[in-house]
Amino acid sequence: MKVELVTSLKRQATKILADLHSSKEPVLITEHGQPSAYLVDIKDYELMQKRLALLEGLSRGERDLLHGRTYSQNEAKKKMSKWLK
């Protein structure tokens, strides 16, 4: 992973962004020697958000299953009938 100082980002934003778009490699931005932020390509970020939403949905489903909050197939069909037409 590439690491850049925040001052480099301020001075060379166009070049850093061009490198990011061509390499698709995230850039760690540091301030005073400490990690401050990640700079990632927009498509990679959007893909990560979609994956995170999917994982959150799976996690909710697992919790519901553990707590007995489930429906039979017939019950689910009845509840979803207005969307399944």
PDB file of N, CA and C in Angstrom:
ATOM      1  N   MET A   1       0.847  -1.177   0.000  1.00  0.00           N
ATOM      2  CA  MET A   1       0.000   0.000   0.000  1.00  0.00           C
ATOM      3  C   MET A   1       0.887   1.234   0.000  1.00  0.00           C
ATOM      4  N   LYS A   2       0.472   2.197  -0.770  1.00  0.00           N
ATOM      5  CA  LYS A   2       1.209   3.454  -0.873  1.00  0.00           C
ATOM      6  C   LYS A   2       0.870   4.337   0.332  1.00  0.00           C
ATOM      7  N   VAL A   3       1.869   5.048   0.830  1.00  0.00           N
ATOM      8  CA  VAL A   3       1.684   5.958   1.966  1.00  0.00           C
ATOM      9  C   VAL A   3       2.112   7.351   1.517  1.00  0.00           C
ATOM     10  N   GLU A   4       1.274   8.339   1.823  1.00  0.00           N
ATOM     11  CA  GLU A   4       1.578   9.734   1.470  1.00  0.00           C
ATOM     12  C   GLU A   4       1.324  10.619   2.687  1.00  0.00           C
ATOM     13  N   LEU A   5       2.153  11.638   2.807  1.00  0.00           N
ATOM     14  CA  LEU A   5       1.934  12.656   3.830  1.00  0.00           C
ATOM     15  C   LEU A   5       0.783  13.556   3.405  1.00  0.00           C
ATOM     16  N   VAL A   6       0.065  14.091   4.348  1.00  0.00           N
ATOM     17  CA  VAL A   6      -1.030  14.993   4.018  1.00  0.00           C
ATOM     18  C   VAL A   6      -0.499  16.214   3.263  1.00  0.00           C
ATOM     19  N   THR A   7       0.708  16.657   3.579  1.00  0.00           N
ATOM     20  CA  THR A   7       1.278  17.800   2.853  1.00  0.00           C
ATOM     21  C   THR A   7       1.544  17.438   1.393  1.00  0.00           C
ATOM     22  N   SER A   8       1.941  16.180   1.128  1.00  0.00           N
ATOM     23  CA  SER A   8       2.127  15.741  -0.264  1.00  0.00           C
ATOM     24  C   SER A   8       0.800  15.732  -0.990  1.00  0.00           C
ATOM     25  N   LEU A   9      -0.253  15.305  -0.303  1.00  0.00           N
ATOM     26  CA  LEU A   9      -1.580  15.298  -0.908  1.00  0.00           C
ATOM     27  C   LEU A   9      -2.004  16.723  -1.274  1.00  0.00           C
ATOM     28  N   LYS A  10      -1.726  17.662  -0.390  1.00  0.00           N
ATOM     29  CA  LYS A  10      -2.075  19.053  -0.667  1.00  0.00           C
ATOM     30  C   LYS A  10      -1.339  19.586  -1.891  1.00  0.00           C
ATOM     31  N   ARG A  11      -0.068  19.214  -2.015  1.00  0.00           N
ATOM     32  CA  ARG A  11       0.770  19.748  -3.099  1.00  0.00           C
ATOM     33  C   ARG A  11       0.633  18.988  -4.409  1.00  0.00           C
ATOM     34  N   GLN A  12       0.357  17.687  -4.319  1.00  0.00           N
ATOM     35  CA  GLN A  12       0.384  16.838  -5.511  1.00  0.00           C
ATOM     36  C   GLN A  12      -0.906  16.043  -5.685  1.00  0.00           C
ATOM     37  N   ALA A  13      -2.020  16.625  -5.360  1.00  0.00           N
ATOM     38  CA  ALA A  13      -3.292  15.897  -5.395  1.00  0.00           C
ATOM     39  C   ALA A  13      -3.568  15.300  -6.764  1.00  0.00           C
ATOM     40  N   THR A  14      -3.353  16.063  -7.824  1.00  0.00           N
ATOM     41  CA  THR A  14      -3.643  15.576  -9.177  1.00  0.00           C
ATOM     42  C   THR A  14      -2.806  14.348  -9.506  1.00  0.00           C
ATOM     43  N   LYS A  15      -1.511  14.390  -9.198  1.00  0.00           N
ATOM     44  CA  LYS A  15      -0.634  13.253  -9.479  1.00  0.00           C
ATOM     45  C   LYS A  15      -1.014  12.040  -8.625  1.00  0.00           C
ATOM     46  N   ILE A  16      -1.275  12.255  -7.348  1.00  0.00           N
ATOM     47  CA  ILE A  16      -1.636  11.152  -6.454  1.00  0.00           C
ATOM     48  C   ILE A  16      -2.936  10.505  -6.918  1.00  0.00           C
ATOM     49  N   LEU A  17      -3.910  11.317  -7.317  1.00  0.00           N
ATOM     50  CA  LEU A  17      -5.170  10.772  -7.822  1.00  0.00           C
ATOM     51  C   LEU A  17      -4.967  10.007  -9.134  1.00  0.00           C
ATOM     52  N   ALA A  18      -4.136  10.523 -10.011  1.00  0.00           N
ATOM     53  CA  ALA A  18      -3.860   9.828 -11.268  1.00  0.00           C
ATOM     54  C   ALA A  18      -3.207   8.471 -11.001  1.00  0.00           C
ATOM     55  N   ASP A  19      -2.246   8.444 -10.076  1.00  0.00           N
ATOM     56  CA  ASP A  19      -1.612   7.174  -9.707  1.00  0.00           C
ATOM     57  C   ASP A  19      -2.627   6.200  -9.100  1.00  0.00           C
ATOM     58  N   LEU A  20      -3.497   6.736  -8.265  1.00  0.00           N
ATOM     59  CA  LEU A  20      -4.533   5.909  -7.638  1.00  0.00           C
ATOM     60  C   LEU A  20      -5.437   5.291  -8.690  1.00  0.00           C
ATOM     61  N   HIS A  21      -5.876   6.081  -9.649  1.00  0.00           N
ATOM     62  CA  HIS A  21      -6.778   5.575 -10.681  1.00  0.00           C
ATOM     63  C   HIS A  21      -6.098   4.541 -11.576  1.00  0.00           C
ATOM     64  N   SER A  22      -4.818   4.719 -11.826  1.00  0.00           N
ATOM     65  CA  SER A  22      -4.136   3.759 -12.695  1.00  0.00           C
ATOM     66  C   SER A  22      -3.755   2.483 -11.954  1.00  0.00           C
ATOM     67  N   SER A  23      -3.345   2.589 -10.697  1.00  0.00           N
ATOM     68  CA  SER A  23      -2.895   1.404  -9.953  1.00  0.00           C
ATOM     69  C   SER A  23      -4.018   0.713  -9.186  1.00  0.00           C
ATOM     70  N   LYS A  24      -5.080   1.450  -8.861  1.00  0.00           N
ATOM     71  CA  LYS A  24      -6.188   0.943  -8.039  1.00  0.00           C
ATOM     72  C   LYS A  24      -5.733   0.570  -6.624  1.00  0.00           C
ATOM     73  N   GLU A  25      -4.534   1.001  -6.254  1.00  0.00           N
ATOM     74  CA  GLU A  25      -3.987   0.697  -4.933  1.00  0.00           C
ATOM     75  C   GLU A  25      -4.368   1.804  -3.951  1.00  0.00           C
ATOM     76  N   PRO A  26      -4.981   1.469  -2.814  1.00  0.00           N
ATOM     77  CA  PRO A  26      -5.339   2.490  -1.826  1.00  0.00           C
ATOM     78  C   PRO A  26      -4.101   3.265  -1.359  1.00  0.00           C
ATOM     79  N   VAL A  27      -4.325   4.489  -0.947  1.00  0.00           N
ATOM     80  CA  VAL A  27      -3.249   5.339  -0.446  1.00  0.00           C
ATOM     81  C   VAL A  27      -3.566   5.680   1.005  1.00  0.00           C
ATOM     82  N   LEU A  28      -2.625   5.403   1.895  1.00  0.00           N
ATOM     83  CA  LEU A  28      -2.768   5.765   3.299  1.00  0.00           C
ATOM     84  C   LEU A  28      -2.220   7.177   3.469  1.00  0.00           C
ATOM     85  N   ILE A  29      -3.044   8.073   3.969  1.00  0.00           N
ATOM     86  CA  ILE A  29      -2.637   9.455   4.217  1.00  0.00           C
ATOM     87  C   ILE A  29      -2.257   9.578   5.689  1.00  0.00           C
ATOM     88  N   THR A  30      -1.077  10.147   5.945  1.00  0.00           N
ATOM     89  CA  THR A  30      -0.628  10.306   7.325  1.00  0.00           C
ATOM     90  C   THR A  30      -0.500  11.782   7.677  1.00  0.00           C
ATOM     91  N   GLU A  31      -0.736  12.067   8.947  1.00  0.00           N
ATOM     92  CA  GLU A  31      -0.535  13.401   9.516  1.00  0.00           C
ATOM     93  C   GLU A  31       0.343  13.247  10.747  1.00  0.00           C
ATOM     94  N   HIS A  32       1.417  13.981  10.792  1.00  0.00           N
ATOM     95  CA  HIS A  32       2.343  13.926  11.932  1.00  0.00           C
ATOM     96  C   HIS A  32       2.784  12.490  12.217  1.00  0.00           C
ATOM     97  N   GLY A  33       2.981  11.726  11.151  1.00  0.00           N
ATOM     98  CA  GLY A  33       3.463  10.343  11.298  1.00  0.00           C
ATOM     99  C   GLY A  33       2.409   9.333  11.695  1.00  0.00           C
ATOM    100  N   GLN A  34       1.172   9.754  11.814  1.00  0.00           N
ATOM    101  CA  GLN A  34       0.088   8.862  12.228  1.00  0.00           C
ATOM    102  C   GLN A  34      -0.906   8.655  11.083  1.00  0.00           C
ATOM    103  N   PRO A  35      -1.443   7.450  10.933  1.00  0.00           N
ATOM    104  CA  PRO A  35      -2.472   7.222   9.907  1.00  0.00           C
ATOM    105  C   PRO A  35      -3.662   8.145  10.129  1.00  0.00           C
ATOM    106  N   SER A  36      -4.143   8.729   9.035  1.00  0.00           N
ATOM    107  CA  SER A  36      -5.244   9.685   9.151  1.00  0.00           C
ATOM    108  C   SER A  36      -6.445   9.286   8.293  1.00  0.00           C
ATOM    109  N   ALA A  37      -6.182   8.797   7.085  1.00  0.00           N
ATOM    110  CA  ALA A  37      -7.282   8.463   6.182  1.00  0.00           C
ATOM    111  C   ALA A  37      -6.758   7.557   5.075  1.00  0.00           C
ATOM    112  N   TYR A  38      -7.705   6.885   4.417  1.00  0.00           N
ATOM    113  CA  TYR A  38      -7.383   6.119   3.219  1.00  0.00           C
ATOM    114  C   TYR A  38      -8.004   6.816   2.023  1.00  0.00           C
ATOM    115  N   LEU A  39      -7.285   6.836   0.939  1.00  0.00           N
ATOM    116  CA  LEU A  39      -7.774   7.352  -0.318  1.00  0.00           C
ATOM    117  C   LEU A  39      -7.946   6.139  -1.229  1.00  0.00           C
ATOM    118  N   VAL A  40      -9.188   5.895  -1.664  1.00  0.00           N
ATOM    119  CA  VAL A  40      -9.463   4.718  -2.498  1.00  0.00           C
ATOM    120  C   VAL A  40     -10.210   5.133  -3.760  1.00  0.00           C
ATOM    121  N   ASP A  41     -10.052   4.336  -4.791  1.00  0.00           N
ATOM    122  CA  ASP A  41     -10.748   4.555  -6.045  1.00  0.00           C
ATOM    123  C   ASP A  41     -12.258   4.457  -5.814  1.00  0.00           C
ATOM    124  N   ILE A  42     -13.041   5.280  -6.486  1.00  0.00           N
ATOM    125  CA  ILE A  42     -14.484   5.344  -6.266  1.00  0.00           C
ATOM    126  C   ILE A  42     -15.169   4.011  -6.542  1.00  0.00           C
ATOM    127  N   LYS A  43     -14.766   3.314  -7.605  1.00  0.00           N
ATOM    128  CA  LYS A  43     -15.392   2.027  -7.915  1.00  0.00           C
ATOM    129  C   LYS A  43     -15.093   0.998  -6.829  1.00  0.00           C
ATOM    130  N   ASP A  44     -13.863   1.004  -6.321  1.00  0.00           N
ATOM    131  CA  ASP A  44     -13.510   0.094  -5.231  1.00  0.00           C
ATOM    132  C   ASP A  44     -14.309   0.414  -3.974  1.00  0.00           C
ATOM    133  N   TYR A  45     -14.459   1.708  -3.688  1.00  0.00           N
ATOM    134  CA  TYR A  45     -15.234   2.119  -2.517  1.00  0.00           C
ATOM    135  C   TYR A  45     -16.695   1.664  -2.642  1.00  0.00           C
ATOM    136  N   GLU A  46     -17.287   1.880  -3.802  1.00  0.00           N
ATOM    137  CA  GLU A  46     -18.686   1.480  -3.998  1.00  0.00           C
ATOM    138  C   GLU A  46     -18.845  -0.030  -3.887  1.00  0.00           C
ATOM    139  N   LEU A  47     -17.894  -0.794  -4.405  1.00  0.00           N
ATOM    140  CA  LEU A  47     -17.936  -2.249  -4.282  1.00  0.00           C
ATOM    141  C   LEU A  47     -17.837  -2.668  -2.813  1.00  0.00           C
ATOM    142  N   MET A  48     -16.957  -2.004  -2.056  1.00  0.00           N
ATOM    143  CA  MET A  48     -16.835  -2.310  -0.625  1.00  0.00           C
ATOM    144  C   MET A  48     -18.146  -2.021   0.106  1.00  0.00           C
ATOM    145  N   GLN A  49     -18.822  -0.921  -0.253  1.00  0.00           N
ATOM    146  CA  GLN A  49     -20.087  -0.583   0.393  1.00  0.00           C
ATOM    147  C   GLN A  49     -21.158  -1.626   0.086  1.00  0.00           C
ATOM    148  N   LYS A  50     -21.205  -2.120  -1.144  1.00  0.00           N
ATOM    149  CA  LYS A  50     -22.167  -3.163  -1.507  1.00  0.00           C
ATOM    150  C   LYS A  50     -21.887  -4.445  -0.738  1.00  0.00           C
ATOM    151  N   ARG A  51     -20.609  -4.799  -0.631  1.00  0.00           N
ATOM    152  CA  ARG A  51     -20.234  -6.010   0.116  1.00  0.00           C
ATOM    153  C   ARG A  51     -20.590  -5.871   1.591  1.00  0.00           C
ATOM    154  N   LEU A  52     -20.345  -4.694   2.139  1.00  0.00           N
ATOM    155  CA  LEU A  52     -20.669  -4.450   3.541  1.00  0.00           C
ATOM    156  C   LEU A  52     -22.175  -4.563   3.775  1.00  0.00           C
ATOM    157  N   ALA A  53     -22.979  -4.011   2.876  1.00  0.00           N
ATOM    158  CA  ALA A  53     -24.438  -4.101   3.013  1.00  0.00           C
ATOM    159  C   ALA A  53     -24.884  -5.557   2.961  1.00  0.00           C
ATOM    160  N   LEU A  54     -24.282  -6.347   2.080  1.00  0.00           N
ATOM    161  CA  LEU A  54     -24.617  -7.767   1.991  1.00  0.00           C
ATOM    162  C   LEU A  54     -24.250  -8.494   3.276  1.00  0.00           C
ATOM    163  N   LEU A  55     -23.072  -8.220   3.807  1.00  0.00           N
ATOM    164  CA  LEU A  55     -22.652  -8.855   5.060  1.00  0.00           C
ATOM    165  C   LEU A  55     -23.553  -8.456   6.225  1.00  0.00           C
ATOM    166  N   GLU A  56     -23.970  -7.201   6.259  1.00  0.00           N
ATOM    167  CA  GLU A  56     -24.880  -6.755   7.323  1.00  0.00           C
ATOM    168  C   GLU A  56     -26.216  -7.480   7.217  1.00  0.00           C
ATOM    169  N   GLY A  57     -26.719  -7.676   6.002  1.00  0.00           N
ATOM    170  CA  GLY A  57     -27.961  -8.423   5.810  1.00  0.00           C
ATOM    171  C   GLY A  57     -27.825  -9.867   6.263  1.00  0.00           C
ATOM    172  N   LEU A  58     -26.705 -10.487   5.940  1.00  0.00           N
ATOM    173  CA  LEU A  58     -26.469 -11.868   6.381  1.00  0.00           C
ATOM    174  C   LEU A  58     -26.396 -11.944   7.903  1.00  0.00           C
ATOM    175  N   SER A  59     -25.750 -10.967   8.505  1.00  0.00           N
ATOM    176  CA  SER A  59     -25.640 -10.938   9.964  1.00  0.00           C
ATOM    177  C   SER A  59     -27.016 -10.800  10.623  1.00  0.00           C
ATOM    178  N   ARG A  60     -27.868  -9.919  10.076  1.00  0.00           N
ATOM    179  CA  ARG A  60     -29.233  -9.779  10.618  1.00  0.00           C
ATOM    180  C   ARG A  60     -29.995 -11.087  10.486  1.00  0.00           C
ATOM    181  N   GLY A  61     -29.827 -11.754   9.333  1.00  0.00           N
ATOM    182  CA  GLY A  61     -30.502 -13.029   9.123  1.00  0.00           C
ATOM    183  C   GLY A  61     -30.048 -14.085  10.117  1.00  0.00           C
ATOM    184  N   GLU A  62     -28.758 -14.144  10.385  1.00  0.00           N
ATOM    185  CA  GLU A  62     -28.243 -15.105  11.360  1.00  0.00           C
ATOM    186  C   GLU A  62     -28.783 -14.816  12.759  1.00  0.00           C
ATOM    187  N   ARG A  63     -28.851 -13.527  13.125  1.00  0.00           N
ATOM    188  CA  ARG A  63     -29.399 -13.164  14.447  1.00  0.00           C
ATOM    189  C   ARG A  63     -30.868 -13.568  14.546  1.00  0.00           C
ATOM    190  N   ASP A  64     -31.631 -13.289  13.492  1.00  0.00           N
ATOM    191  CA  ASP A  64     -33.042 -13.657  13.498  1.00  0.00           C
ATOM    192  C   ASP A  64     -33.213 -15.162  13.616  1.00  0.00           C
ATOM    193  N   LEU A  65     -32.374 -15.902  12.924  1.00  0.00           N
ATOM    194  CA  LEU A  65     -32.439 -17.364  13.001  1.00  0.00           C
ATOM    195  C   LEU A  65     -32.136 -17.845  14.420  1.00  0.00           C
ATOM    196  N   LEU A  66     -31.122 -17.272  15.048  1.00  0.00           N
ATOM    197  CA  LEU A  66     -30.769 -17.652  16.415  1.00  0.00           C
ATOM    198  C   LEU A  66     -31.877 -17.325  17.415  1.00  0.00           C
ATOM    199  N   HIS A  67     -32.633 -16.258  17.165  1.00  0.00           N
ATOM    200  CA  HIS A  67     -33.698 -15.841  18.082  1.00  0.00           C
ATOM    201  C   HIS A  67     -35.075 -16.360  17.676  1.00  0.00           C
ATOM    202  N   GLY A  68     -35.115 -17.244  16.694  1.00  0.00           N
ATOM    203  CA  GLY A  68     -36.379 -17.857  16.304  1.00  0.00           C
ATOM    204  C   GLY A  68     -37.316 -16.944  15.545  1.00  0.00           C
ATOM    205  N   ARG A  69     -36.796 -15.870  14.994  1.00  0.00           N
ATOM    206  CA  ARG A  69     -37.630 -14.933  14.229  1.00  0.00           C
ATOM    207  C   ARG A  69     -37.592 -15.334  12.751  1.00  0.00           C
ATOM    208  N   THR A  70     -38.263 -16.437  12.452  1.00  0.00           N
ATOM    209  CA  THR A  70     -38.274 -16.951  11.078  1.00  0.00           C
ATOM    210  C   THR A  70     -39.701 -17.278  10.663  1.00  0.00           C
ATOM    211  N   TYR A  71     -39.888 -17.472   9.354  1.00  0.00           N
ATOM    212  CA  TYR A  71     -41.187 -17.840   8.797  1.00  0.00           C
ATOM    213  C   TYR A  71     -41.022 -19.106   7.975  1.00  0.00           C
ATOM    214  N   SER A  72     -42.094 -19.878   7.895  1.00  0.00           N
ATOM    215  CA  SER A  72     -42.091 -21.009   6.979  1.00  0.00           C
ATOM    216  C   SER A  72     -42.158 -20.456   5.556  1.00  0.00           C
ATOM    217  N   GLN A  73     -41.944 -21.320   4.580  1.00  0.00           N
ATOM    218  CA  GLN A  73     -41.997 -20.870   3.193  1.00  0.00           C
ATOM    219  C   GLN A  73     -43.383 -20.327   2.850  1.00  0.00           C
ATOM    220  N   ASN A  74     -44.430 -21.012   3.301  1.00  0.00           N
ATOM    221  CA  ASN A  74     -45.794 -20.549   3.018  1.00  0.00           C
ATOM    222  C   ASN A  74     -46.088 -19.210   3.684  1.00  0.00           C
ATOM    223  N   GLU A  75     -45.649 -19.046   4.940  1.00  0.00           N
ATOM    224  CA  GLU A  75     -45.854 -17.770   5.629  1.00  0.00           C
ATOM    225  C   GLU A  75     -45.116 -16.643   4.904  1.00  0.00           C
ATOM    226  N   ALA A  76     -43.915 -16.928   4.476  1.00  0.00           N
ATOM    227  CA  ALA A  76     -43.124 -15.915   3.774  1.00  0.00           C
ATOM    228  C   ALA A  76     -43.789 -15.545   2.452  1.00  0.00           C
ATOM    229  N   LYS A  77     -44.298 -16.524   1.730  1.00  0.00           N
ATOM    230  CA  LYS A  77     -44.983 -16.245   0.463  1.00  0.00           C
ATOM    231  C   LYS A  77     -46.192 -15.350   0.685  1.00  0.00           C
ATOM    232  N   LYS A  78     -46.967 -15.626   1.749  1.00  0.00           N
ATOM    233  CA  LYS A  78     -48.128 -14.803   2.045  1.00  0.00           C
ATOM    234  C   LYS A  78     -47.710 -13.367   2.351  1.00  0.00           C
ATOM    235  N   LYS A  79     -46.682 -13.206   3.169  1.00  0.00           N
ATOM    236  CA  LYS A  79     -46.217 -11.866   3.522  1.00  0.00           C
ATOM    237  C   LYS A  79     -45.618 -11.122   2.335  1.00  0.00           C
ATOM    238  N   MET A  80     -45.038 -11.846   1.392  1.00  0.00           N
ATOM    239  CA  MET A  80     -44.379 -11.225   0.244  1.00  0.00           C
ATOM    240  C   MET A  80     -45.262 -11.206  -0.996  1.00  0.00           C
ATOM    241  N   SER A  81     -46.506 -11.657  -0.873  1.00  0.00           N
ATOM    242  CA  SER A  81     -47.372 -11.819  -2.042  1.00  0.00           C
ATOM    243  C   SER A  81     -47.540 -10.530  -2.854  1.00  0.00           C
ATOM    244  N   LYS A  82     -47.614  -9.407  -2.180  1.00  0.00           N
ATOM    245  CA  LYS A  82     -47.807  -8.164  -2.928  1.00  0.00           C
ATOM    246  C   LYS A  82     -46.587  -7.807  -3.777  1.00  0.00           C
ATOM    247  N   TRP A  83     -45.413  -8.328  -3.436  1.00  0.00           N
ATOM    248  CA  TRP A  83     -44.207  -8.069  -4.245  1.00  0.00           C
ATOM    249  C   TRP A  83     -43.939  -9.175  -5.248  1.00  0.00           C
ATOM    250  N   LEU A  84     -44.557 -10.320  -5.067  1.00  0.00           N
ATOM    251  CA  LEU A  84     -44.271 -11.474  -5.934  1.00  0.00           C
ATOM    252  C   LEU A  84     -45.238 -11.602  -7.109  1.00  0.00           C
ATOM    253  N   LYS A  85     -46.186 -10.705  -7.238  1.00  0.00           N
ATOM    254  CA  LYS A  85     -47.172 -10.794  -8.322  1.00  0.00           C
ATOM    255  C   LYS A  85     -46.602 -10.394  -9.629  1.00  0.00           C
TER     256      LYS A  85
END
